[in-house]
Amino acid sequence: MLAVFNSAFLVALGLAPSLVWLSFYLRRDCHPEPKYLLTKAFLMGIIVSPLAILLQLGFSELKNVFDYTIFNQGSPSFFLWSSLVEEFLKFFAVFLVVMRNPEFDEPMDGMIYMISAALGFAAIENMLVMFTLMPDGAGTALSTLALRFVGATLLHALSSGLIGYFLAMSWFFQEHKKKLIVFGLIMATFFHAVFNMLIAFAQESNNPTIGLVYTTFLLIILAFLVSILFDKIKERGIHAVT
């Protein structure tokens, strides 16, 4: 019974950062989305997260078959394709459960649902961190979770928010929908890969302060950009209605 309680507690801790950020971004939506559809997007983000791990492990094993540096862990190309896998799967989650739903009926929905799926995706990562680190001590696990709250979890929301913006823009430029979504994926992949490279650089140099400073600077830029894009889509949506 105690083991079940401990597991449930760790799951709740893993969910907490995602739910906090989700509640923050939902307040940006002037026309709240149906809770059932937000939940479906969030849960689908959770479902596709293990698939990302499997794909990344599978691609990494290809380095034993093909002598391509793209598969070498730690190379710039590794960070790019592994980030692309995650960004594509988060978009795929929204495509599966939201984009063909009649409730997906205004431009702002693109950003809201992409962020919802991304935070579901991040929740699984945070749960894995909790189950992995808690045996080493609550202090280590909770401090890591706090860093992930303002780091990796926020990054997932912001990078998917970028895709959501271009998905929203396709509302106004239907003839360029595929191009806009692809460009959004490229932008999200770039920021995601840079973030991961900065983390890896800090770990290799044994200087976590450098990583913290650089990643914080990157996240501030990205958060500012996504905030501006939120306002732009909100304004365009109002004009489209009026």
C-alpha atoms as a PDB file:
ATOM      1  CA  MET A   1       0.000   0.000   0.000  1.00  0.00           C
ATOM      2  CA  LEU A   2       2.844   2.347   0.870  1.00  0.00           C
ATOM      3  CA  ALA A   3       4.506   1.601  -2.477  1.00  0.00           C
ATOM      4  CA  VAL A   4       1.300   2.528  -4.309  1.00  0.00           C
ATOM      5  CA  PHE A   5       1.041   5.772  -2.349  1.00  0.00           C
ATOM      6  CA  ASN A   6       4.684   6.625  -3.058  1.00  0.00           C
ATOM      7  CA  SER A   7       4.224   5.945  -6.771  1.00  0.00           C
ATOM      8  CA  ALA A   8       1.082   8.082  -6.894  1.00  0.00           C
ATOM      9  CA  PHE A   9       2.931  10.863  -5.088  1.00  0.00           C
ATOM     10  CA  LEU A  10       5.801  10.764  -7.600  1.00  0.00           C
ATOM     11  CA  VAL A  11       3.337  10.816 -10.505  1.00  0.00           C
ATOM     12  CA  ALA A  12       1.635  13.854  -8.963  1.00  0.00           C
ATOM     13  CA  LEU A  13       4.991  15.598  -8.560  1.00  0.00           C
ATOM     14  CA  GLY A  14       5.825  14.867 -12.189  1.00  0.00           C
ATOM     15  CA  LEU A  15       2.497  16.285 -13.330  1.00  0.00           C
ATOM     16  CA  ALA A  16       2.689  19.440 -11.214  1.00  0.00           C
ATOM     17  CA  PRO A  17       5.039  21.576 -13.389  1.00  0.00           C
ATOM     18  CA  SER A  18       3.007  20.836 -16.513  1.00  0.00           C
ATOM     19  CA  LEU A  19      -0.304  21.647 -14.836  1.00  0.00           C
ATOM     20  CA  VAL A  20       1.035  24.953 -13.483  1.00  0.00           C
ATOM     21  CA  TRP A  21       2.222  26.081 -16.926  1.00  0.00           C
ATOM     22  CA  LEU A  22      -0.972  24.812 -18.552  1.00  0.00           C
ATOM     23  CA  SER A  23      -3.112  26.870 -16.218  1.00  0.00           C
ATOM     24  CA  PHE A  24      -0.934  29.922 -16.964  1.00  0.00           C
ATOM     25  CA  TYR A  25      -1.332  29.643 -20.734  1.00  0.00           C
ATOM     26  CA  LEU A  26      -5.030  28.795 -20.633  1.00  0.00           C
ATOM     27  CA  ARG A  27      -5.600  32.216 -19.086  1.00  0.00           C
ATOM     28  CA  ARG A  28      -4.304  33.740 -22.340  1.00  0.00           C
ATOM     29  CA  ASP A  29      -7.270  32.318 -24.261  1.00  0.00           C
ATOM     30  CA  CYS A  30     -10.213  34.722 -24.474  1.00  0.00           C
ATOM     31  CA  HIS A  31     -12.551  31.873 -25.437  1.00  0.00           C
ATOM     32  CA  PRO A  32     -11.779  28.910 -23.144  1.00  0.00           C
ATOM     33  CA  GLU A  33     -11.547  25.542 -24.872  1.00  0.00           C
ATOM     34  CA  PRO A  34     -13.616  22.498 -23.858  1.00  0.00           C
ATOM     35  CA  LYS A  35     -11.967  20.748 -20.932  1.00  0.00           C
ATOM     36  CA  TYR A  36     -12.483  17.323 -22.488  1.00  0.00           C
ATOM     37  CA  LEU A  37     -10.540  18.317 -25.620  1.00  0.00           C
ATOM     38  CA  LEU A  38      -7.738  19.966 -23.648  1.00  0.00           C
ATOM     39  CA  THR A  39      -7.512  16.778 -21.596  1.00  0.00           C
ATOM     40  CA  LYS A  40      -7.356  14.653 -24.754  1.00  0.00           C
ATOM     41  CA  ALA A  41      -4.526  16.793 -26.137  1.00  0.00           C
ATOM     42  CA  PHE A  42      -2.660  16.590 -22.819  1.00  0.00           C
ATOM     43  CA  LEU A  43      -3.128  12.814 -22.580  1.00  0.00           C
ATOM     44  CA  MET A  44      -2.100  12.279 -26.193  1.00  0.00           C
ATOM     45  CA  GLY A  45       1.081  14.212 -25.410  1.00  0.00           C
ATOM     46  CA  ILE A  46       1.677  11.719 -22.599  1.00  0.00           C
ATOM     47  CA  ILE A  47       0.992   8.771 -24.922  1.00  0.00           C
ATOM     48  CA  VAL A  48       3.432   9.839 -27.662  1.00  0.00           C
ATOM     49  CA  SER A  49       6.243  10.630 -25.217  1.00  0.00           C
ATOM     50  CA  PRO A  50       7.422   6.998 -24.819  1.00  0.00           C
ATOM     51  CA  LEU A  51       7.349   6.704 -28.612  1.00  0.00           C
ATOM     52  CA  ALA A  52       9.881   9.547 -28.791  1.00  0.00           C
ATOM     53  CA  ILE A  53      12.186   7.668 -26.430  1.00  0.00           C
ATOM     54  CA  LEU A  54      11.910   4.488 -28.509  1.00  0.00           C
ATOM     55  CA  LEU A  55      12.578   6.334 -31.768  1.00  0.00           C
ATOM     56  CA  GLN A  56      15.566   8.172 -30.324  1.00  0.00           C
ATOM     57  CA  LEU A  57      17.029   4.928 -28.980  1.00  0.00           C
ATOM     58  CA  GLY A  58      16.391   3.231 -32.314  1.00  0.00           C
ATOM     59  CA  PHE A  59      18.056   5.991 -34.302  1.00  0.00           C
ATOM     60  CA  SER A  60      20.990   6.050 -31.894  1.00  0.00           C
ATOM     61  CA  GLU A  61      21.545   2.328 -32.486  1.00  0.00           C
ATOM     62  CA  LEU A  62      21.866   3.002 -36.210  1.00  0.00           C
ATOM     63  CA  LYS A  63      25.372   4.328 -35.564  1.00  0.00           C
ATOM     64  CA  ASN A  64      26.360   0.682 -35.070  1.00  0.00           C
ATOM     65  CA  VAL A  65      24.994  -0.146 -38.526  1.00  0.00           C
ATOM     66  CA  PHE A  66      25.868   2.953 -40.531  1.00  0.00           C
ATOM     67  CA  ASP A  67      29.022   4.975 -40.140  1.00  0.00           C
ATOM     68  CA  TYR A  68      27.175   8.294 -40.124  1.00  0.00           C
ATOM     69  CA  THR A  69      28.123  11.007 -37.639  1.00  0.00           C
ATOM     70  CA  ILE A  70      24.491  12.162 -37.615  1.00  0.00           C
ATOM     71  CA  PHE A  71      23.766   9.295 -35.216  1.00  0.00           C
ATOM     72  CA  ASN A  72      26.651  10.053 -32.844  1.00  0.00           C
ATOM     73  CA  GLN A  73      25.242  11.087 -29.497  1.00  0.00           C
ATOM     74  CA  GLY A  74      26.383  14.578 -28.572  1.00  0.00           C
ATOM     75  CA  SER A  75      26.957  15.774 -32.134  1.00  0.00           C
ATOM     76  CA  PRO A  76      25.035  18.862 -33.346  1.00  0.00           C
ATOM     77  CA  SER A  77      23.152  16.693 -35.838  1.00  0.00           C
ATOM     78  CA  PHE A  78      22.132  14.353 -32.996  1.00  0.00           C
ATOM     79  CA  PHE A  79      20.564  17.232 -31.088  1.00  0.00           C
ATOM     80  CA  LEU A  80      18.758  18.389 -34.227  1.00  0.00           C
ATOM     81  CA  TRP A  81      17.164  15.107 -35.214  1.00  0.00           C
ATOM     82  CA  SER A  82      16.317  14.084 -31.642  1.00  0.00           C
ATOM     83  CA  SER A  83      14.633  17.468 -31.118  1.00  0.00           C
ATOM     84  CA  LEU A  84      12.783  17.083 -34.418  1.00  0.00           C
ATOM     85  CA  VAL A  85      11.427  13.702 -33.300  1.00  0.00           C
ATOM     86  CA  GLU A  86       9.961  15.255 -30.148  1.00  0.00           C
ATOM     87  CA  GLU A  87       8.546  18.333 -31.868  1.00  0.00           C
ATOM     88  CA  PHE A  88       6.952  16.266 -34.629  1.00  0.00           C
ATOM     89  CA  LEU A  89       5.338  13.855 -32.166  1.00  0.00           C
ATOM     90  CA  LYS A  90       3.846  16.706 -30.136  1.00  0.00           C
ATOM     91  CA  PHE A  91       2.363  18.126 -33.336  1.00  0.00           C
ATOM     92  CA  PHE A  92       1.177  14.633 -34.319  1.00  0.00           C
ATOM     93  CA  ALA A  93      -0.636  14.345 -30.971  1.00  0.00           C
ATOM     94  CA  VAL A  94      -2.622  17.495 -31.763  1.00  0.00           C
ATOM     95  CA  PHE A  95      -3.234  16.350 -35.324  1.00  0.00           C
ATOM     96  CA  LEU A  96      -4.724  13.075 -34.087  1.00  0.00           C
ATOM     97  CA  VAL A  97      -7.147  14.356 -31.465  1.00  0.00           C
ATOM     98  CA  VAL A  98      -7.792  18.034 -32.165  1.00  0.00           C
ATOM     99  CA  MET A  99      -7.318  19.317 -35.690  1.00  0.00           C
ATOM    100  CA  ARG A 100     -10.298  17.475 -37.154  1.00  0.00           C
ATOM    101  CA  ASN A 101     -12.544  18.247 -34.200  1.00  0.00           C
ATOM    102  CA  PRO A 102     -15.260  20.899 -34.786  1.00  0.00           C
ATOM    103  CA  GLU A 103     -14.206  22.589 -31.530  1.00  0.00           C
ATOM    104  CA  PHE A 104     -10.936  23.503 -33.263  1.00  0.00           C
ATOM    105  CA  ASP A 105     -12.625  26.605 -34.586  1.00  0.00           C
ATOM    106  CA  GLU A 106     -10.404  29.656 -34.083  1.00  0.00           C
ATOM    107  CA  PRO A 107      -6.745  30.591 -34.729  1.00  0.00           C
ATOM    108  CA  MET A 108      -5.785  30.814 -31.043  1.00  0.00           C
ATOM    109  CA  ASP A 109      -6.672  27.134 -30.667  1.00  0.00           C
ATOM    110  CA  GLY A 110      -3.506  26.182 -32.543  1.00  0.00           C
ATOM    111  CA  MET A 111      -1.250  27.583 -29.827  1.00  0.00           C
ATOM    112  CA  ILE A 112      -3.411  26.438 -26.907  1.00  0.00           C
ATOM    113  CA  TYR A 113      -3.675  22.812 -27.982  1.00  0.00           C
ATOM    114  CA  MET A 114      -0.038  22.556 -29.039  1.00  0.00           C
ATOM    115  CA  ILE A 115       1.026  23.804 -25.607  1.00  0.00           C
ATOM    116  CA  SER A 116      -1.400  21.369 -23.931  1.00  0.00           C
ATOM    117  CA  ALA A 117       0.051  18.383 -25.804  1.00  0.00           C
ATOM    118  CA  ALA A 118       3.603  19.585 -25.149  1.00  0.00           C
ATOM    119  CA  LEU A 119       3.000  19.803 -21.416  1.00  0.00           C
ATOM    120  CA  GLY A 120       1.575  16.280 -21.407  1.00  0.00           C
ATOM    121  CA  PHE A 121       4.748  15.185 -23.187  1.00  0.00           C
ATOM    122  CA  ALA A 122       6.902  16.983 -20.611  1.00  0.00           C
ATOM    123  CA  ALA A 123       4.929  15.431 -17.742  1.00  0.00           C
ATOM    124  CA  ILE A 124       6.147  11.941 -18.641  1.00  0.00           C
ATOM    125  CA  GLU A 125       9.750  13.159 -18.711  1.00  0.00           C
ATOM    126  CA  ASN A 126       9.294  14.726 -15.277  1.00  0.00           C
ATOM    127  CA  MET A 127       7.728  11.539 -13.887  1.00  0.00           C
ATOM    128  CA  LEU A 128      10.684   9.497 -15.137  1.00  0.00           C
ATOM    129  CA  VAL A 129      13.041  11.959 -13.453  1.00  0.00           C
ATOM    130  CA  MET A 130      11.129  11.607 -10.175  1.00  0.00           C
ATOM    131  CA  PHE A 131      11.195   7.806 -10.216  1.00  0.00           C
ATOM    132  CA  THR A 132      14.887   7.807 -11.185  1.00  0.00           C
ATOM    133  CA  LEU A 133      16.191  10.388  -8.724  1.00  0.00           C
ATOM    134  CA  MET A 134      13.969   9.970  -5.664  1.00  0.00           C
ATOM    135  CA  PRO A 135      15.951   6.900  -4.455  1.00  0.00           C
ATOM    136  CA  ASP A 136      19.004   9.218  -4.319  1.00  0.00           C
ATOM    137  CA  GLY A 137      17.160  11.515  -1.944  1.00  0.00           C
ATOM    138  CA  ALA A 138      14.197  13.871  -1.986  1.00  0.00           C
ATOM    139  CA  GLY A 139      16.446  16.930  -2.094  1.00  0.00           C
ATOM    140  CA  THR A 140      18.116  15.890  -5.345  1.00  0.00           C
ATOM    141  CA  ALA A 141      14.821  14.917  -6.968  1.00  0.00           C
ATOM    142  CA  LEU A 142      12.943  18.060  -5.955  1.00  0.00           C
ATOM    143  CA  SER A 143      15.765  20.437  -6.902  1.00  0.00           C
ATOM    144  CA  THR A 144      15.958  18.772 -10.322  1.00  0.00           C
ATOM    145  CA  LEU A 145      12.187  19.055 -10.695  1.00  0.00           C
ATOM    146  CA  ALA A 146      12.371  22.755  -9.825  1.00  0.00           C
ATOM    147  CA  LEU A 147      15.008  23.284 -12.514  1.00  0.00           C
ATOM    148  CA  ARG A 148      12.909  21.344 -15.022  1.00  0.00           C
ATOM    149  CA  PHE A 149       9.878  23.485 -14.143  1.00  0.00           C
ATOM    150  CA  VAL A 150      11.640  26.636 -15.343  1.00  0.00           C
ATOM    151  CA  GLY A 151      13.749  24.775 -17.890  1.00  0.00           C
ATOM    152  CA  ALA A 152      12.778  21.717 -19.926  1.00  0.00           C
ATOM    153  CA  THR A 153       9.046  21.840 -19.128  1.00  0.00           C
ATOM    154  CA  LEU A 154       8.790  25.484 -20.135  1.00  0.00           C
ATOM    155  CA  LEU A 155      10.903  24.800 -23.225  1.00  0.00           C
ATOM    156  CA  HIS A 156       8.443  22.131 -24.396  1.00  0.00           C
ATOM    157  CA  ALA A 157       5.545  24.551 -23.988  1.00  0.00           C
ATOM    158  CA  LEU A 158       7.315  27.412 -25.760  1.00  0.00           C
ATOM    159  CA  SER A 159       8.718  25.414 -28.680  1.00  0.00           C
ATOM    160  CA  SER A 160       5.314  23.861 -29.324  1.00  0.00           C
ATOM    161  CA  GLY A 161       3.777  27.301 -28.933  1.00  0.00           C
ATOM    162  CA  LEU A 162       5.876  28.323 -31.941  1.00  0.00           C
ATOM    163  CA  ILE A 163       4.438  25.468 -33.986  1.00  0.00           C
ATOM    164  CA  GLY A 164       1.002  26.470 -32.739  1.00  0.00           C
ATOM    165  CA  TYR A 165       1.523  29.997 -34.019  1.00  0.00           C
ATOM    166  CA  PHE A 166       2.262  28.820 -37.551  1.00  0.00           C
ATOM    167  CA  LEU A 167      -0.631  26.379 -37.312  1.00  0.00           C
ATOM    168  CA  ALA A 168      -2.778  29.370 -36.361  1.00  0.00           C
ATOM    169  CA  MET A 169      -1.417  31.390 -39.273  1.00  0.00           C
ATOM    170  CA  SER A 170      -2.436  28.597 -41.639  1.00  0.00           C
ATOM    171  CA  TRP A 171      -5.987  29.524 -40.635  1.00  0.00           C
ATOM    172  CA  PHE A 172      -5.554  32.699 -42.681  1.00  0.00           C
ATOM    173  CA  PHE A 173      -3.342  31.244 -45.429  1.00  0.00           C
ATOM    174  CA  GLN A 174      -4.854  27.848 -46.184  1.00  0.00           C
ATOM    175  CA  GLU A 175      -2.959  27.546 -49.457  1.00  0.00           C
ATOM    176  CA  HIS A 176       0.332  27.643 -47.523  1.00  0.00           C
ATOM    177  CA  LYS A 177      -0.761  25.459 -44.601  1.00  0.00           C
ATOM    178  CA  LYS A 178       1.828  22.697 -45.067  1.00  0.00           C
ATOM    179  CA  LYS A 179       4.675  25.159 -45.588  1.00  0.00           C
ATOM    180  CA  LEU A 180       3.723  27.113 -42.470  1.00  0.00           C
ATOM    181  CA  ILE A 181       3.556  23.985 -40.317  1.00  0.00           C
ATOM    182  CA  VAL A 182       6.915  22.748 -41.639  1.00  0.00           C
ATOM    183  CA  PHE A 183       8.477  26.142 -40.919  1.00  0.00           C
ATOM    184  CA  GLY A 184       7.037  26.034 -37.409  1.00  0.00           C
ATOM    185  CA  LEU A 185       8.564  22.587 -36.882  1.00  0.00           C
ATOM    186  CA  ILE A 186      11.934  23.868 -38.101  1.00  0.00           C
ATOM    187  CA  MET A 187      11.831  26.856 -35.730  1.00  0.00           C
ATOM    188  CA  ALA A 188      10.772  24.719 -32.762  1.00  0.00           C
ATOM    189  CA  THR A 189      13.439  22.116 -33.540  1.00  0.00           C
ATOM    190  CA  PHE A 190      16.124  24.796 -33.724  1.00  0.00           C
ATOM    191  CA  PHE A 191      15.336  26.313 -30.312  1.00  0.00           C
ATOM    192  CA  HIS A 192      14.894  22.868 -28.751  1.00  0.00           C
ATOM    193  CA  ALA A 193      18.230  21.651 -30.126  1.00  0.00           C
ATOM    194  CA  VAL A 194      20.091  24.782 -29.001  1.00  0.00           C
ATOM    195  CA  PHE A 195      18.657  24.379 -25.487  1.00  0.00           C
ATOM    196  CA  ASN A 196      19.802  20.749 -25.314  1.00  0.00           C
ATOM    197  CA  MET A 197      23.245  21.631 -26.691  1.00  0.00           C
ATOM    198  CA  LEU A 198      23.689  24.299 -24.025  1.00  0.00           C
ATOM    199  CA  ILE A 199      22.766  21.791 -21.317  1.00  0.00           C
ATOM    200  CA  ALA A 200      25.225  19.245 -22.735  1.00  0.00           C
ATOM    201  CA  PHE A 201      27.970  21.877 -22.977  1.00  0.00           C
ATOM    202  CA  ALA A 202      27.473  22.846 -19.338  1.00  0.00           C
ATOM    203  CA  GLN A 203      27.650  19.189 -18.257  1.00  0.00           C
ATOM    204  CA  GLU A 204      30.828  18.543 -20.243  1.00  0.00           C
ATOM    205  CA  SER A 205      32.523  21.656 -18.865  1.00  0.00           C
ATOM    206  CA  ASN A 206      31.451  20.799 -15.296  1.00  0.00           C
ATOM    207  CA  ASN A 207      30.122  24.334 -14.990  1.00  0.00           C
ATOM    208  CA  PRO A 208      26.357  24.220 -14.384  1.00  0.00           C
ATOM    209  CA  THR A 209      26.297  27.986 -13.850  1.00  0.00           C
ATOM    210  CA  ILE A 210      27.155  28.568 -17.511  1.00  0.00           C
ATOM    211  CA  GLY A 211      24.367  26.248 -18.590  1.00  0.00           C
ATOM    212  CA  LEU A 212      21.901  27.947 -16.269  1.00  0.00           C
ATOM    213  CA  VAL A 213      22.787  31.430 -17.535  1.00  0.00           C
ATOM    214  CA  TYR A 214      22.712  30.514 -21.229  1.00  0.00           C
ATOM    215  CA  THR A 215      19.530  28.436 -21.080  1.00  0.00           C
ATOM    216  CA  THR A 216      17.783  31.102 -19.006  1.00  0.00           C
ATOM    217  CA  PHE A 217      18.723  33.716 -21.597  1.00  0.00           C
ATOM    218  CA  LEU A 218      17.423  31.471 -24.394  1.00  0.00           C
ATOM    219  CA  LEU A 219      14.150  30.793 -22.577  1.00  0.00           C
ATOM    220  CA  ILE A 220      13.605  34.496 -21.890  1.00  0.00           C
ATOM    221  CA  ILE A 221      14.007  35.239 -25.604  1.00  0.00           C
ATOM    222  CA  LEU A 222      11.689  32.386 -26.547  1.00  0.00           C
ATOM    223  CA  ALA A 223       9.086  33.297 -23.911  1.00  0.00           C
ATOM    224  CA  PHE A 224       9.098  36.909 -25.099  1.00  0.00           C
ATOM    225  CA  LEU A 225       8.694  35.766 -28.706  1.00  0.00           C
ATOM    226  CA  VAL A 226       5.822  33.387 -27.926  1.00  0.00           C
ATOM    227  CA  SER A 227       4.095  36.085 -25.856  1.00  0.00           C
ATOM    228  CA  ILE A 228       4.242  38.480 -28.813  1.00  0.00           C
ATOM    229  CA  LEU A 229       2.930  35.771 -31.145  1.00  0.00           C
ATOM    230  CA  PHE A 230       0.064  35.056 -28.741  1.00  0.00           C
ATOM    231  CA  ASP A 231      -0.963  38.713 -28.887  1.00  0.00           C
ATOM    232  CA  LYS A 232      -0.637  38.822 -32.681  1.00  0.00           C
ATOM    233  CA  ILE A 233      -2.850  35.773 -33.158  1.00  0.00           C
ATOM    234  CA  LYS A 234      -5.362  37.096 -30.647  1.00  0.00           C
ATOM    235  CA  GLU A 235      -5.527  40.392 -32.537  1.00  0.00           C
ATOM    236  CA  ARG A 236      -5.842  38.690 -35.935  1.00  0.00           C
ATOM    237  CA  GLY A 237      -8.556  36.417 -34.579  1.00  0.00           C
ATOM    238  CA  ILE A 238     -10.572  39.378 -33.307  1.00  0.00           C
ATOM    239  CA  HIS A 239     -10.283  41.144 -36.655  1.00  0.00           C
ATOM    240  CA  ALA A 240     -11.271  37.946 -38.459  1.00  0.00           C
ATOM    241  CA  VAL A 241     -14.440  37.699 -36.376  1.00  0.00           C
ATOM    242  CA  THR A 242     -15.364  41.356 -36.704  1.00  0.00           C
END
